[in-house]
Each structure stands twice: as structure tokens, then as C-alpha cells.
Amino acid sequence: MSKETYLKTLQRAFTDLHGCQAKHVETVPVLETFQGKTVWEGEVEVFDLVGHPKAKRGYAWSYANNGKSDQVTAVLELPPVISPKTAVQAAIISRVKN
């Protein structure tokens, strides 16, 4: 998948999940560790959001889901999420709880 197609997929996630438009701003590498071990490493795409009542920014990425099709994660920048790193942390915590 091309980078352009990938970004459009992530933008669509903001529309579908959060009812807003998203404009790509930058790509940020994130490494999340726990007790000295890597639990997540990848690139988080940063988006400016238009049309969301509270969030002005969002973070998104996709990941392989046990051999199934890639899963997209789209997180709004609402406290405690304030950066790409905290977006990844919030997504990890959410998956552990579920």
C-alpha cells in the first residue's frame, strides 16, 4: 500500500469513528517499553482535525492483528492523550482492558 493510500485509510478512520475530517501533519516514530521490553514500536501519523467538537488533533496508525487484516487505531488528542506517545499508551491500556 502506498503512503498516500495508507494516510487516506487513516483519515477515513477519523471520519468513520469520530465524525470529523483529518489533515495529515507529520509522522512521528514511537517506541513504547514496559519493564525494559518493547511493547510497541512504529510510526504514528499526526492529523489536524476539523469538525470535532472537542479535539483539534488526532493520532492514527495501523497494525497487523494476528494474521487478519490490518487494524486501524485513531485516537483523539484529549487529556490524558497529549502526544503520539500518550496516544499509543492509551491504545495499549484500552486493549488490555478489553
PDB file of N, CA and C in Angstrom:
ATOM      1  N   MET A   1       0.854  -1.180   0.000  1.00  0.00           N
ATOM      2  CA  MET A   1       0.000   0.000   0.000  1.00  0.00           C
ATOM      3  C   MET A   1       0.899   1.242   0.000  1.00  0.00           C
ATOM      4  N   SER A   2       0.579   2.182  -0.835  1.00  0.00           N
ATOM      5  CA  SER A   2       1.363   3.413  -0.900  1.00  0.00           C
ATOM      6  C   SER A   2       1.104   4.262   0.348  1.00  0.00           C
ATOM      7  N   LYS A   3       2.020   5.165   0.628  1.00  0.00           N
ATOM      8  CA  LYS A   3       1.871   6.059   1.784  1.00  0.00           C
ATOM      9  C   LYS A   3       0.594   6.891   1.641  1.00  0.00           C
ATOM     10  N   GLU A   4       0.314   7.338   0.421  1.00  0.00           N
ATOM     11  CA  GLU A   4      -0.885   8.145   0.174  1.00  0.00           C
ATOM     12  C   GLU A   4      -2.159   7.355   0.494  1.00  0.00           C
ATOM     13  N   THR A   5      -2.214   6.116   0.050  1.00  0.00           N
ATOM     14  CA  THR A   5      -3.369   5.255   0.324  1.00  0.00           C
ATOM     15  C   THR A   5      -3.481   4.975   1.821  1.00  0.00           C
ATOM     16  N   TYR A   6      -2.347   4.720   2.452  1.00  0.00           N
ATOM     17  CA  TYR A   6      -2.312   4.470   3.899  1.00  0.00           C
ATOM     18  C   TYR A   6      -2.879   5.673   4.671  1.00  0.00           C
ATOM     19  N   LEU A   7      -2.437   6.876   4.317  1.00  0.00           N
ATOM     20  CA  LEU A   7      -2.911   8.076   5.010  1.00  0.00           C
ATOM     21  C   LEU A   7      -4.404   8.291   4.771  1.00  0.00           C
ATOM     22  N   LYS A   8      -4.892   7.996   3.566  1.00  0.00           N
ATOM     23  CA  LYS A   8      -6.326   8.128   3.292  1.00  0.00           C
ATOM     24  C   LYS A   8      -7.130   7.136   4.126  1.00  0.00           C
ATOM     25  N   THR A   9      -6.584   5.945   4.329  1.00  0.00           N
ATOM     26  CA  THR A   9      -7.245   4.951   5.183  1.00  0.00           C
ATOM     27  C   THR A   9      -7.352   5.471   6.614  1.00  0.00           C
ATOM     28  N   LEU A  10      -6.278   6.070   7.104  1.00  0.00           N
ATOM     29  CA  LEU A  10      -6.301   6.613   8.467  1.00  0.00           C
ATOM     30  C   LEU A  10      -7.242   7.810   8.565  1.00  0.00           C
ATOM     31  N   GLN A  11      -7.256   8.661   7.546  1.00  0.00           N
ATOM     32  CA  GLN A  11      -8.171   9.807   7.544  1.00  0.00           C
ATOM     33  C   GLN A  11      -9.622   9.332   7.593  1.00  0.00           C
ATOM     34  N   ARG A  12      -9.909   8.291   6.830  1.00  0.00           N
ATOM     35  CA  ARG A  12     -11.270   7.734   6.807  1.00  0.00           C
ATOM     36  C   ARG A  12     -11.670   7.218   8.196  1.00  0.00           C
ATOM     37  N   ALA A  13     -10.700   6.718   8.948  1.00  0.00           N
ATOM     38  CA  ALA A  13     -10.996   6.233  10.301  1.00  0.00           C
ATOM     39  C   ALA A  13     -11.492   7.372  11.186  1.00  0.00           C
ATOM     40  N   PHE A  14     -10.914   8.552  11.051  1.00  0.00           N
ATOM     41  CA  PHE A  14     -11.388   9.689  11.846  1.00  0.00           C
ATOM     42  C   PHE A  14     -12.815  10.060  11.455  1.00  0.00           C
ATOM     43  N   THR A  15     -13.106  10.011  10.162  1.00  0.00           N
ATOM     44  CA  THR A  15     -14.463  10.304   9.695  1.00  0.00           C
ATOM     45  C   THR A  15     -15.444   9.263  10.228  1.00  0.00           C
ATOM     46  N   ASP A  16     -15.094   7.990  10.070  1.00  0.00           N
ATOM     47  CA  ASP A  16     -15.988   6.899  10.465  1.00  0.00           C
ATOM     48  C   ASP A  16     -16.156   6.783  11.981  1.00  0.00           C
ATOM     49  N   LEU A  17     -15.070   6.914  12.726  1.00  0.00           N
ATOM     50  CA  LEU A  17     -15.111   6.705  14.176  1.00  0.00           C
ATOM     51  C   LEU A  17     -15.469   7.954  14.971  1.00  0.00           C
ATOM     52  N   HIS A  18     -15.026   9.114  14.471  1.00  0.00           N
ATOM     53  CA  HIS A  18     -15.153  10.328  15.277  1.00  0.00           C
ATOM     54  C   HIS A  18     -15.939  11.448  14.594  1.00  0.00           C
ATOM     55  N   GLY A  19     -16.411  11.211  13.364  1.00  0.00           N
ATOM     56  CA  GLY A  19     -17.263  12.183  12.688  1.00  0.00           C
ATOM     57  C   GLY A  19     -16.597  13.485  12.316  1.00  0.00           C
ATOM     58  N   CYS A  20     -15.296  13.446  12.016  1.00  0.00           N
ATOM     59  CA  CYS A  20     -14.597  14.674  11.659  1.00  0.00           C
ATOM     60  C   CYS A  20     -13.636  14.420  10.502  1.00  0.00           C
ATOM     61  N   GLN A  21     -13.172  15.492   9.914  1.00  0.00           N
ATOM     62  CA  GLN A  21     -12.183  15.421   8.842  1.00  0.00           C
ATOM     63  C   GLN A  21     -10.788  15.512   9.452  1.00  0.00           C
ATOM     64  N   ALA A  22      -9.801  14.933   8.757  1.00  0.00           N
ATOM     65  CA  ALA A  22      -8.434  14.923   9.264  1.00  0.00           C
ATOM     66  C   ALA A  22      -7.457  15.312   8.166  1.00  0.00           C
ATOM     67  N   LYS A  23      -6.505  16.187   8.512  1.00  0.00           N
ATOM     68  CA  LYS A  23      -5.464  16.612   7.575  1.00  0.00           C
ATOM     69  C   LYS A  23      -4.117  16.188   8.149  1.00  0.00           C
ATOM     70  N   HIS A  24      -3.363  15.402   7.364  1.00  0.00           N
ATOM     71  CA  HIS A  24      -2.073  14.886   7.835  1.00  0.00           C
ATOM     72  C   HIS A  24      -1.082  16.015   8.085  1.00  0.00           C
ATOM     73  N   VAL A  25      -0.381  15.930   9.223  1.00  0.00           N
ATOM     74  CA  VAL A  25       0.599  16.942   9.608  1.00  0.00           C
ATOM     75  C   VAL A  25       2.019  16.381   9.560  1.00  0.00           C
ATOM     76  N   GLU A  26       2.221  15.222  10.201  1.00  0.00           N
ATOM     77  CA  GLU A  26       3.565  14.653  10.264  1.00  0.00           C
ATOM     78  C   GLU A  26       3.516  13.196  10.705  1.00  0.00           C
ATOM     79  N   THR A  27       4.665  12.542  10.568  1.00  0.00           N
ATOM     80  CA  THR A  27       4.848  11.170  11.015  1.00  0.00           C
ATOM     81  C   THR A  27       5.861  11.177  12.143  1.00  0.00           C
ATOM     82  N   VAL A  28       5.526  10.517  13.260  1.00  0.00           N
ATOM     83  CA  VAL A  28       6.392  10.513  14.433  1.00  0.00           C
ATOM     84  C   VAL A  28       6.700   9.068  14.836  1.00  0.00           C
ATOM     85  N   PRO A  29       7.999   8.708  14.938  1.00  0.00           N
ATOM     86  CA  PRO A  29       8.334   7.369  15.426  1.00  0.00           C
ATOM     87  C   PRO A  29       8.085   7.286  16.930  1.00  0.00           C
ATOM     88  N   VAL A  30       7.519   6.165  17.370  1.00  0.00           N
ATOM     89  CA  VAL A  30       7.237   5.967  18.798  1.00  0.00           C
ATOM     90  C   VAL A  30       7.748   4.590  19.216  1.00  0.00           C
ATOM     91  N   LEU A  31       8.426   4.571  20.346  1.00  0.00           N
ATOM     92  CA  LEU A  31       8.877   3.330  20.968  1.00  0.00           C
ATOM     93  C   LEU A  31       8.310   3.308  22.373  1.00  0.00           C
ATOM     94  N   GLU A  32       7.499   2.309  22.665  1.00  0.00           N
ATOM     95  CA  GLU A  32       6.891   2.179  23.997  1.00  0.00           C
ATOM     96  C   GLU A  32       7.447   0.917  24.654  1.00  0.00           C
ATOM     97  N   THR A  33       8.006   1.100  25.828  1.00  0.00           N
ATOM     98  CA  THR A  33       8.580  -0.034  26.557  1.00  0.00           C
ATOM     99  C   THR A  33       7.890  -0.189  27.903  1.00  0.00           C
ATOM    100  N   PHE A  34       7.978  -1.412  28.438  1.00  0.00           N
ATOM    101  CA  PHE A  34       7.457  -1.696  29.770  1.00  0.00           C
ATOM    102  C   PHE A  34       8.424  -2.672  30.421  1.00  0.00           C
ATOM    103  N   GLN A  35       8.937  -2.282  31.560  1.00  0.00           N
ATOM    104  CA  GLN A  35       9.914  -3.095  32.292  1.00  0.00           C
ATOM    105  C   GLN A  35      11.067  -3.515  31.390  1.00  0.00           C
ATOM    106  N   GLY A  36      11.551  -2.567  30.595  1.00  0.00           N
ATOM    107  CA  GLY A  36      12.714  -2.790  29.754  1.00  0.00           C
ATOM    108  C   GLY A  36      12.464  -3.542  28.467  1.00  0.00           C
ATOM    109  N   LYS A  37      11.219  -3.904  28.182  1.00  0.00           N
ATOM    110  CA  LYS A  37      10.901  -4.641  26.970  1.00  0.00           C
ATOM    111  C   LYS A  37      10.027  -3.788  26.054  1.00  0.00           C
ATOM    112  N   THR A  38      10.275  -3.910  24.754  1.00  0.00           N
ATOM    113  CA  THR A  38       9.477  -3.177  23.775  1.00  0.00           C
ATOM    114  C   THR A  38       8.091  -3.799  23.682  1.00  0.00           C
ATOM    115  N   VAL A  39       7.061  -2.978  23.896  1.00  0.00           N
ATOM    116  CA  VAL A  39       5.684  -3.468  23.759  1.00  0.00           C
ATOM    117  C   VAL A  39       5.031  -2.936  22.480  1.00  0.00           C
ATOM    118  N   TRP A  40       5.576  -1.848  21.946  1.00  0.00           N
ATOM    119  CA  TRP A  40       5.073  -1.308  20.681  1.00  0.00           C
ATOM    120  C   TRP A  40       6.146  -0.418  20.078  1.00  0.00           C
ATOM    121  N   GLU A  41       6.350  -0.576  18.783  1.00  0.00           N
ATOM    122  CA  GLU A  41       7.283   0.288  18.063  1.00  0.00           C
ATOM    123  C   GLU A  41       6.735   0.514  16.668  1.00  0.00           C
ATOM    124  N   GLY A  42       6.648   1.759  16.284  1.00  0.00           N
ATOM    125  CA  GLY A  42       6.130   2.058  14.960  1.00  0.00           C
ATOM    126  C   GLY A  42       6.033   3.543  14.730  1.00  0.00           C
ATOM    127  N   GLU A  43       5.358   3.898  13.652  1.00  0.00           N
ATOM    128  CA  GLU A  43       5.162   5.293  13.301  1.00  0.00           C
ATOM    129  C   GLU A  43       3.712   5.681  13.549  1.00  0.00           C
ATOM    130  N   VAL A  44       3.544   6.820  14.188  1.00  0.00           N
ATOM    131  CA  VAL A  44       2.218   7.372  14.453  1.00  0.00           C
ATOM    132  C   VAL A  44       2.032   8.563  13.527  1.00  0.00           C
ATOM    133  N   GLU A  45       0.918   8.572  12.835  1.00  0.00           N
ATOM    134  CA  GLU A  45       0.594   9.689  11.943  1.00  0.00           C
ATOM    135  C   GLU A  45      -0.204  10.719  12.741  1.00  0.00           C
ATOM    136  N   VAL A  46       0.206  11.974  12.626  1.00  0.00           N
ATOM    137  CA  VAL A  46      -0.429  13.071  13.349  1.00  0.00           C
ATOM    138  C   VAL A  46      -1.325  13.833  12.378  1.00  0.00           C
ATOM    139  N   PHE A  47      -2.542  14.126  12.826  1.00  0.00           N
ATOM    140  CA  PHE A  47      -3.530  14.809  11.989  1.00  0.00           C
ATOM    141  C   PHE A  47      -4.117  16.006  12.721  1.00  0.00           C
ATOM    142  N   ASP A  48      -4.344  17.090  11.983  1.00  0.00           N
ATOM    143  CA  ASP A  48      -5.176  18.183  12.475  1.00  0.00           C
ATOM    144  C   ASP A  48      -6.610  17.806  12.149  1.00  0.00           C
ATOM    145  N   LEU A  49      -7.512  18.021  13.106  1.00  0.00           N
ATOM    146  CA  LEU A  49      -8.909  17.633  12.922  1.00  0.00           C
ATOM    147  C   LEU A  49      -9.783  18.856  12.677  1.00  0.00           C
ATOM    148  N   VAL A  50     -10.773  18.669  11.812  1.00  0.00           N
ATOM    149  CA  VAL A  50     -11.740  19.715  11.504  1.00  0.00           C
ATOM    150  C   VAL A  50     -13.129  19.134  11.728  1.00  0.00           C
ATOM    151  N   GLY A  51     -13.929  19.821  12.538  1.00  0.00           N
ATOM    152  CA  GLY A  51     -15.309  19.396  12.731  1.00  0.00           C
ATOM    153  C   GLY A  51     -15.549  18.556  13.969  1.00  0.00           C
ATOM    154  N   HIS A  52     -14.524  18.346  14.779  1.00  0.00           N
ATOM    155  CA  HIS A  52     -14.757  17.627  16.039  1.00  0.00           C
ATOM    156  C   HIS A  52     -15.046  18.667  17.119  1.00  0.00           C
ATOM    157  N   PRO A  53     -16.049  18.425  17.958  1.00  0.00           N
ATOM    158  CA  PRO A  53     -16.430  19.441  18.948  1.00  0.00           C
ATOM    159  C   PRO A  53     -15.386  19.705  20.032  1.00  0.00           C
ATOM    160  N   LYS A  54     -14.488  18.767  20.300  1.00  0.00           N
ATOM    161  CA  LYS A  54     -13.525  18.949  21.384  1.00  0.00           C
ATOM    162  C   LYS A  54     -12.068  18.828  20.952  1.00  0.00           C
ATOM    163  N   ALA A  55     -11.757  17.851  20.124  1.00  0.00           N
ATOM    164  CA  ALA A  55     -10.360  17.595  19.762  1.00  0.00           C
ATOM    165  C   ALA A  55      -9.955  18.383  18.515  1.00  0.00           C
ATOM    166  N   LYS A  56      -8.767  18.942  18.549  1.00  0.00           N
ATOM    167  CA  LYS A  56      -8.209  19.660  17.403  1.00  0.00           C
ATOM    168  C   LYS A  56      -7.138  18.848  16.696  1.00  0.00           C
ATOM    169  N   ARG A  57      -6.696  17.762  17.350  1.00  0.00           N
ATOM    170  CA  ARG A  57      -5.636  16.920  16.795  1.00  0.00           C
ATOM    171  C   ARG A  57      -5.946  15.463  17.079  1.00  0.00           C
ATOM    172  N   GLY A  58      -5.410  14.602  16.220  1.00  0.00           N
ATOM    173  CA  GLY A  58      -5.596  13.167  16.413  1.00  0.00           C
ATOM    174  C   GLY A  58      -4.369  12.404  15.962  1.00  0.00           C
ATOM    175  N   TYR A  59      -4.292  11.153  16.392  1.00  0.00           N
ATOM    176  CA  TYR A  59      -3.147  10.294  16.102  1.00  0.00           C
ATOM    177  C   TYR A  59      -3.668   8.960  15.579  1.00  0.00           C
ATOM    178  N   ALA A  60      -3.018   8.429  14.558  1.00  0.00           N
ATOM    179  CA  ALA A  60      -3.514   7.177  13.980  1.00  0.00           C
ATOM    180  C   ALA A  60      -2.366   6.323  13.459  1.00  0.00           C
ATOM    181  N   TRP A  61      -2.616   5.007  13.428  1.00  0.00           N
ATOM    182  CA  TRP A  61      -1.671   4.035  12.888  1.00  0.00           C
ATOM    183  C   TRP A  61      -2.436   2.749  12.631  1.00  0.00           C
ATOM    184  N   SER A  62      -1.799   1.834  11.938  1.00  0.00           N
ATOM    185  CA  SER A  62      -2.405   0.518  11.751  1.00  0.00           C
ATOM    186  C   SER A  62      -1.404  -0.535  12.203  1.00  0.00           C
ATOM    187  N   TYR A  63      -1.916  -1.721  12.477  1.00  0.00           N
ATOM    188  CA  TYR A  63      -1.060  -2.819  12.930  1.00  0.00           C
ATOM    189  C   TYR A  63      -1.670  -4.134  12.472  1.00  0.00           C
ATOM    190  N   ALA A  64      -0.811  -5.128  12.314  1.00  0.00           N
ATOM    191  CA  ALA A  64      -1.277  -6.464  11.943  1.00  0.00           C
ATOM    192  C   ALA A  64      -1.958  -7.083  13.154  1.00  0.00           C
ATOM    193  N   ASN A  65      -3.088  -7.753  12.918  1.00  0.00           N
ATOM    194  CA  ASN A  65      -3.876  -8.318  14.009  1.00  0.00           C
ATOM    195  C   ASN A  65      -3.919  -9.838  13.885  1.00  0.00           C
ATOM    196  N   ASN A  66      -2.868 -10.484  14.362  1.00  0.00           N
ATOM    197  CA  ASN A  66      -2.804 -11.953  14.365  1.00  0.00           C
ATOM    198  C   ASN A  66      -3.127 -12.566  13.003  1.00  0.00           C
ATOM    199  N   GLY A  67      -2.499 -12.035  11.959  1.00  0.00           N
ATOM    200  CA  GLY A  67      -2.691 -12.595  10.638  1.00  0.00           C
ATOM    201  C   GLY A  67      -3.954 -12.137   9.922  1.00  0.00           C
ATOM    202  N   LYS A  68      -4.835 -11.441  10.621  1.00  0.00           N
ATOM    203  CA  LYS A  68      -6.045 -10.905   9.992  1.00  0.00           C
ATOM    204  C   LYS A  68      -5.687  -9.603   9.286  1.00  0.00           C
ATOM    205  N   SER A  69      -6.671  -8.962   8.695  1.00  0.00           N
ATOM    206  CA  SER A  69      -6.393  -7.701   8.022  1.00  0.00           C
ATOM    207  C   SER A  69      -5.912  -6.667   9.038  1.00  0.00           C
ATOM    208  N   ASP A  70      -5.168  -5.692   8.544  1.00  0.00           N
ATOM    209  CA  ASP A  70      -4.630  -4.664   9.430  1.00  0.00           C
ATOM    210  C   ASP A  70      -5.753  -3.939  10.174  1.00  0.00           C
ATOM    211  N   GLN A  71      -5.491  -3.625  11.411  1.00  0.00           N
ATOM    212  CA  GLN A  71      -6.431  -2.887  12.242  1.00  0.00           C
ATOM    213  C   GLN A  71      -5.960  -1.441  12.351  1.00  0.00           C
ATOM    214  N   VAL A  72      -6.877  -0.512  12.238  1.00  0.00           N
ATOM    215  CA  VAL A  72      -6.553   0.905  12.326  1.00  0.00           C
ATOM    216  C   VAL A  72      -6.936   1.418  13.705  1.00  0.00           C
ATOM    217  N   THR A  73      -6.038   2.198  14.288  1.00  0.00           N
ATOM    218  CA  THR A  73      -6.312   2.859  15.556  1.00  0.00           C
ATOM    219  C   THR A  73      -6.291   4.360  15.302  1.00  0.00           C
ATOM    220  N   ALA A  74      -7.328   5.064  15.748  1.00  0.00           N
ATOM    221  CA  ALA A  74      -7.412   6.517  15.612  1.00  0.00           C
ATOM    222  C   ALA A  74      -7.792   7.087  16.975  1.00  0.00           C
ATOM    223  N   VAL A  75      -6.889   7.861  17.552  1.00  0.00           N
ATOM    224  CA  VAL A  75      -7.052   8.365  18.922  1.00  0.00           C
ATOM    225  C   VAL A  75      -7.130   9.885  18.885  1.00  0.00           C
ATOM    226  N   LEU A  76      -8.096  10.439  19.598  1.00  0.00           N
ATOM    227  CA  LEU A  76      -8.244  11.889  19.695  1.00  0.00           C
ATOM    228  C   LEU A  76      -7.284  12.457  20.737  1.00  0.00           C
ATOM    229  N   GLU A  77      -6.805  13.682  20.485  1.00  0.00           N
ATOM    230  CA  GLU A  77      -5.960  14.356  21.467  1.00  0.00           C
ATOM    231  C   GLU A  77      -6.865  15.048  22.491  1.00  0.00           C
ATOM    232  N   LEU A  78      -7.223  14.271  23.493  1.00  0.00           N
ATOM    233  CA  LEU A  78      -7.993  14.751  24.633  1.00  0.00           C
ATOM    234  C   LEU A  78      -7.301  14.192  25.874  1.00  0.00           C
ATOM    235  N   PRO A  79      -7.042  15.035  26.895  1.00  0.00           N
ATOM    236  CA  PRO A  79      -6.308  14.553  28.064  1.00  0.00           C
ATOM    237  C   PRO A  79      -6.894  13.250  28.591  1.00  0.00           C
ATOM    238  N   PRO A  80      -6.039  12.277  28.907  1.00  0.00           N
ATOM    239  CA  PRO A  80      -4.584  12.381  29.087  1.00  0.00           C
ATOM    240  C   PRO A  80      -3.775  12.224  27.806  1.00  0.00           C
ATOM    241  N   VAL A  81      -4.414  12.073  26.660  1.00  0.00           N
ATOM    242  CA  VAL A  81      -3.671  11.959  25.409  1.00  0.00           C
ATOM    243  C   VAL A  81      -3.255  13.351  24.950  1.00  0.00           C
ATOM    244  N   ILE A  82      -1.932  13.567  24.913  1.00  0.00           N
ATOM    245  CA  ILE A  82      -1.405  14.885  24.544  1.00  0.00           C
ATOM    246  C   ILE A  82      -0.275  14.795  23.518  1.00  0.00           C
ATOM    247  N   SER A  83       0.035  13.572  23.056  1.00  0.00           N
ATOM    248  CA  SER A  83       1.148  13.385  22.128  1.00  0.00           C
ATOM    249  C   SER A  83       1.005  12.026  21.436  1.00  0.00           C
ATOM    250  N   PRO A  84       1.813  11.779  20.406  1.00  0.00           N
ATOM    251  CA  PRO A  84       1.781  10.454  19.788  1.00  0.00           C
ATOM    252  C   PRO A  84       2.080   9.337  20.797  1.00  0.00           C
ATOM    253  N   LYS A  85       3.038   9.567  21.679  1.00  0.00           N
ATOM    254  CA  LYS A  85       3.413   8.553  22.672  1.00  0.00           C
ATOM    255  C   LYS A  85       2.262   8.250  23.623  1.00  0.00           C
ATOM    256  N   THR A  86       1.583   9.282  24.117  1.00  0.00           N
ATOM    257  CA  THR A  86       0.472   9.033  25.040  1.00  0.00           C
ATOM    258  C   THR A  86      -0.726   8.431  24.312  1.00  0.00           C
ATOM    259  N   ALA A  87      -0.855   8.686  22.999  1.00  0.00           N
ATOM    260  CA  ALA A  87      -1.910   8.035  22.223  1.00  0.00           C
ATOM    261  C   ALA A  87      -1.664   6.531  22.162  1.00  0.00           C
ATOM    262  N   VAL A  88      -0.413   6.137  21.940  1.00  0.00           N
ATOM    263  CA  VAL A  88      -0.064   4.714  21.917  1.00  0.00           C
ATOM    264  C   VAL A  88      -0.311   4.097  23.293  1.00  0.00           C
ATOM    265  N   GLN A  89       0.091   4.789  24.340  1.00  0.00           N
ATOM    266  CA  GLN A  89      -0.126   4.270  25.700  1.00  0.00           C
ATOM    267  C   GLN A  89      -1.615   4.062  25.970  1.00  0.00           C
ATOM    268  N   ALA A  90      -2.446   5.027  25.588  1.00  0.00           N
ATOM    269  CA  ALA A  90      -3.891   4.916  25.807  1.00  0.00           C
ATOM    270  C   ALA A  90      -4.471   3.735  25.028  1.00  0.00           C
ATOM    271  N   ALA A  91      -3.997   3.532  23.794  1.00  0.00           N
ATOM    272  CA  ALA A  91      -4.500   2.412  22.981  1.00  0.00           C
ATOM    273  C   ALA A  91      -4.094   1.075  23.599  1.00  0.00           C
ATOM    274  N   ILE A  92      -2.870   0.984  24.104  1.00  0.00           N
ATOM    275  CA  ILE A  92      -2.419  -0.250  24.752  1.00  0.00           C
ATOM    276  C   ILE A  92      -3.265  -0.547  25.974  1.00  0.00           C
ATOM    277  N   ILE A  93      -3.495   0.455  26.793  1.00  0.00           N
ATOM    278  CA  ILE A  93      -4.307   0.284  28.011  1.00  0.00           C
ATOM    279  C   ILE A  93      -5.726  -0.149  27.638  1.00  0.00           C
ATOM    280  N   SER A  94      -6.285   0.457  26.601  1.00  0.00           N
ATOM    281  CA  SER A  94      -7.637   0.107  26.164  1.00  0.00           C
ATOM    282  C   SER A  94      -7.706  -1.343  25.714  1.00  0.00           C
ATOM    283  N   ARG A  95      -6.695  -1.803  24.969  1.00  0.00           N
ATOM    284  CA  ARG A  95      -6.690  -3.198  24.508  1.00  0.00           C
ATOM    285  C   ARG A  95      -6.543  -4.175  25.662  1.00  0.00           C
ATOM    286  N   VAL A  96      -5.721  -3.810  26.638  1.00  0.00           N
ATOM    287  CA  VAL A  96      -5.533  -4.692  27.802  1.00  0.00           C
ATOM    288  C   VAL A  96      -6.835  -4.824  28.588  1.00  0.00           C
ATOM    289  N   LYS A  97      -7.561  -3.713  28.736  1.00  0.00           N
ATOM    290  CA  LYS A  97      -8.837  -3.735  29.468  1.00  0.00           C
ATOM    291  C   LYS A  97      -9.889  -4.559  28.732  1.00  0.00           C
ATOM    292  N   ASN A  98      -9.854  -4.531  27.399  1.00  0.00           N
ATOM    293  CA  ASN A  98     -10.845  -5.266  26.609  1.00  0.00           C
ATOM    294  C   ASN A  98     -10.393  -6.696  26.430  1.00  0.00           C
TER     295      ASN A  98
END
